[in-house]
Amino acid sequence: MEFITKDVTKDPETLAEVQRMGATATPVIVIDGEDVVFGFARRQLEGLLKL
């Protein structure tokens, strides 16, 4: 499974990106550029990733 890690504490553009999504905390996980998961929601992630 491929993924990209972005650090909001080191990259102002990434911080602005997640703020535009409405995030107020991390992690913010974007799957295939469409589905956004706020926080570590294991069941939601498993469903979206078909695990």
N, C-alpha and C. Protein backbone atom coordinates (compact mmCIF):
# COMPACT_ATOMS: atom_id res chain seq x y z
N MET A 1 0.85 -1.16 0.00
CA MET A 1 0.00 0.00 0.00
C MET A 1 0.90 1.23 0.00
N GLU A 2 0.70 2.09 -0.97
CA GLU A 2 1.46 3.31 -1.07
C GLU A 2 0.83 4.42 -0.23
N PHE A 3 1.66 5.26 0.36
CA PHE A 3 1.13 6.39 1.11
C PHE A 3 2.16 7.50 1.15
N ILE A 4 1.68 8.69 1.42
CA ILE A 4 2.54 9.87 1.56
C ILE A 4 2.30 10.44 2.95
N THR A 5 3.37 10.69 3.67
CA THR A 5 3.27 11.29 4.99
C THR A 5 3.57 12.78 4.87
N LYS A 6 2.70 13.60 5.44
CA LYS A 6 2.91 15.04 5.47
C LYS A 6 2.83 15.49 6.92
N ASP A 7 3.71 16.40 7.31
CA ASP A 7 3.79 16.86 8.70
C ASP A 7 3.33 18.30 8.80
N VAL A 8 2.17 18.51 9.44
CA VAL A 8 1.62 19.86 9.55
C VAL A 8 2.48 20.78 10.42
N THR A 9 3.35 20.20 11.24
CA THR A 9 4.21 21.03 12.09
C THR A 9 5.42 21.55 11.34
N LYS A 10 5.71 20.97 10.18
CA LYS A 10 6.89 21.37 9.41
C LYS A 10 6.55 21.97 8.05
N ASP A 11 5.30 21.87 7.64
CA ASP A 11 4.92 22.31 6.30
C ASP A 11 3.66 23.18 6.36
N PRO A 12 3.81 24.50 6.26
CA PRO A 12 2.66 25.40 6.35
C PRO A 12 1.59 25.13 5.27
N GLU A 13 2.01 24.70 4.09
CA GLU A 13 1.05 24.39 3.03
C GLU A 13 0.17 23.20 3.42
N THR A 14 0.77 22.20 4.04
CA THR A 14 0.01 21.04 4.50
C THR A 14 -0.95 21.44 5.60
N LEU A 15 -0.50 22.27 6.52
CA LEU A 15 -1.37 22.76 7.59
C LEU A 15 -2.59 23.48 6.99
N ALA A 16 -2.35 24.36 6.04
CA ALA A 16 -3.44 25.08 5.39
C ALA A 16 -4.39 24.12 4.68
N GLU A 17 -3.83 23.10 4.05
CA GLU A 17 -4.64 22.11 3.34
C GLU A 17 -5.60 21.39 4.29
N VAL A 18 -5.11 20.91 5.42
CA VAL A 18 -5.98 20.19 6.35
C VAL A 18 -6.97 21.14 7.04
N GLN A 19 -6.59 22.38 7.23
CA GLN A 19 -7.52 23.36 7.81
C GLN A 19 -8.67 23.63 6.83
N ARG A 20 -8.38 23.69 5.53
CA ARG A 20 -9.43 23.88 4.53
C ARG A 20 -10.41 22.70 4.53
N MET A 21 -9.92 21.53 4.90
CA MET A 21 -10.78 20.34 4.98
C MET A 21 -11.66 20.37 6.22
N GLY A 22 -11.38 21.29 7.13
CA GLY A 22 -12.16 21.39 8.35
C GLY A 22 -11.55 20.66 9.53
N ALA A 23 -10.33 20.20 9.38
CA ALA A 23 -9.67 19.45 10.46
C ALA A 23 -9.24 20.39 11.57
N THR A 24 -9.43 19.93 12.80
CA THR A 24 -8.96 20.68 13.96
C THR A 24 -7.91 19.90 14.74
N ALA A 25 -7.65 18.68 14.31
CA ALA A 25 -6.65 17.83 14.96
C ALA A 25 -6.12 16.84 13.93
N THR A 26 -5.07 16.14 14.30
CA THR A 26 -4.50 15.11 13.43
C THR A 26 -4.66 13.77 14.11
N PRO A 27 -4.62 12.68 13.39
CA PRO A 27 -4.29 12.57 11.97
C PRO A 27 -5.49 12.89 11.09
N VAL A 28 -5.17 13.29 9.88
CA VAL A 28 -6.16 13.45 8.81
C VAL A 28 -5.69 12.51 7.70
N ILE A 29 -6.54 11.59 7.32
CA ILE A 29 -6.16 10.59 6.33
C ILE A 29 -7.05 10.77 5.10
N VAL A 30 -6.41 10.95 3.95
CA VAL A 30 -7.14 11.11 2.69
C VAL A 30 -6.87 9.87 1.85
N ILE A 31 -7.94 9.22 1.44
CA ILE A 31 -7.81 7.97 0.67
C ILE A 31 -8.25 8.22 -0.76
N ASP A 32 -7.34 7.96 -1.69
CA ASP A 32 -7.60 8.14 -3.12
C ASP A 32 -8.07 9.54 -3.48
N GLY A 33 -7.67 10.53 -2.70
CA GLY A 33 -8.03 11.90 -2.99
C GLY A 33 -9.50 12.22 -2.78
N GLU A 34 -10.27 11.28 -2.26
CA GLU A 34 -11.71 11.47 -2.12
C GLU A 34 -12.21 11.37 -0.68
N ASP A 35 -11.94 10.25 -0.06
CA ASP A 35 -12.45 9.99 1.29
C ASP A 35 -11.50 10.59 2.32
N VAL A 36 -12.06 11.34 3.27
CA VAL A 36 -11.26 11.96 4.32
C VAL A 36 -11.70 11.39 5.66
N VAL A 37 -10.72 10.95 6.44
CA VAL A 37 -10.98 10.40 7.77
C VAL A 37 -10.26 11.29 8.77
N PHE A 38 -11.02 11.85 9.72
CA PHE A 38 -10.44 12.68 10.76
C PHE A 38 -10.23 11.82 12.00
N GLY A 39 -9.00 11.83 12.52
CA GLY A 39 -8.68 11.00 13.67
C GLY A 39 -8.40 9.58 13.24
N PHE A 40 -8.04 8.74 14.18
CA PHE A 40 -7.77 7.35 13.86
C PHE A 40 -9.04 6.55 14.08
N ALA A 41 -9.85 6.48 13.04
CA ALA A 41 -11.13 5.76 13.09
C ALA A 41 -10.92 4.39 12.44
N ARG A 42 -10.47 3.45 13.24
CA ARG A 42 -10.05 2.15 12.72
C ARG A 42 -11.11 1.47 11.85
N ARG A 43 -12.34 1.40 12.31
CA ARG A 43 -13.38 0.71 11.55
C ARG A 43 -13.67 1.42 10.23
N GLN A 44 -13.69 2.73 10.26
CA GLN A 44 -13.93 3.49 9.04
C GLN A 44 -12.78 3.25 8.05
N LEU A 45 -11.55 3.28 8.54
CA LEU A 45 -10.40 3.04 7.69
C LEU A 45 -10.43 1.63 7.10
N GLU A 46 -10.72 0.64 7.92
CA GLU A 46 -10.79 -0.73 7.44
C GLU A 46 -11.84 -0.88 6.33
N GLY A 47 -12.98 -0.22 6.50
CA GLY A 47 -14.02 -0.28 5.49
C GLY A 47 -13.60 0.38 4.19
N LEU A 48 -13.02 1.56 4.29
CA LEU A 48 -12.59 2.27 3.09
C LEU A 48 -11.44 1.58 2.37
N LEU A 49 -10.57 0.93 3.15
CA LEU A 49 -9.43 0.23 2.56
C LEU A 49 -9.74 -1.24 2.25
N LYS A 50 -10.97 -1.65 2.57
CA LYS A 50 -11.42 -3.02 2.35
C LYS A 50 -10.47 -4.04 3.00
N LEU A 51 -10.20 -3.80 4.27
CA LEU A 51 -9.31 -4.70 5.03
C LEU A 51 -10.12 -5.67 5.85
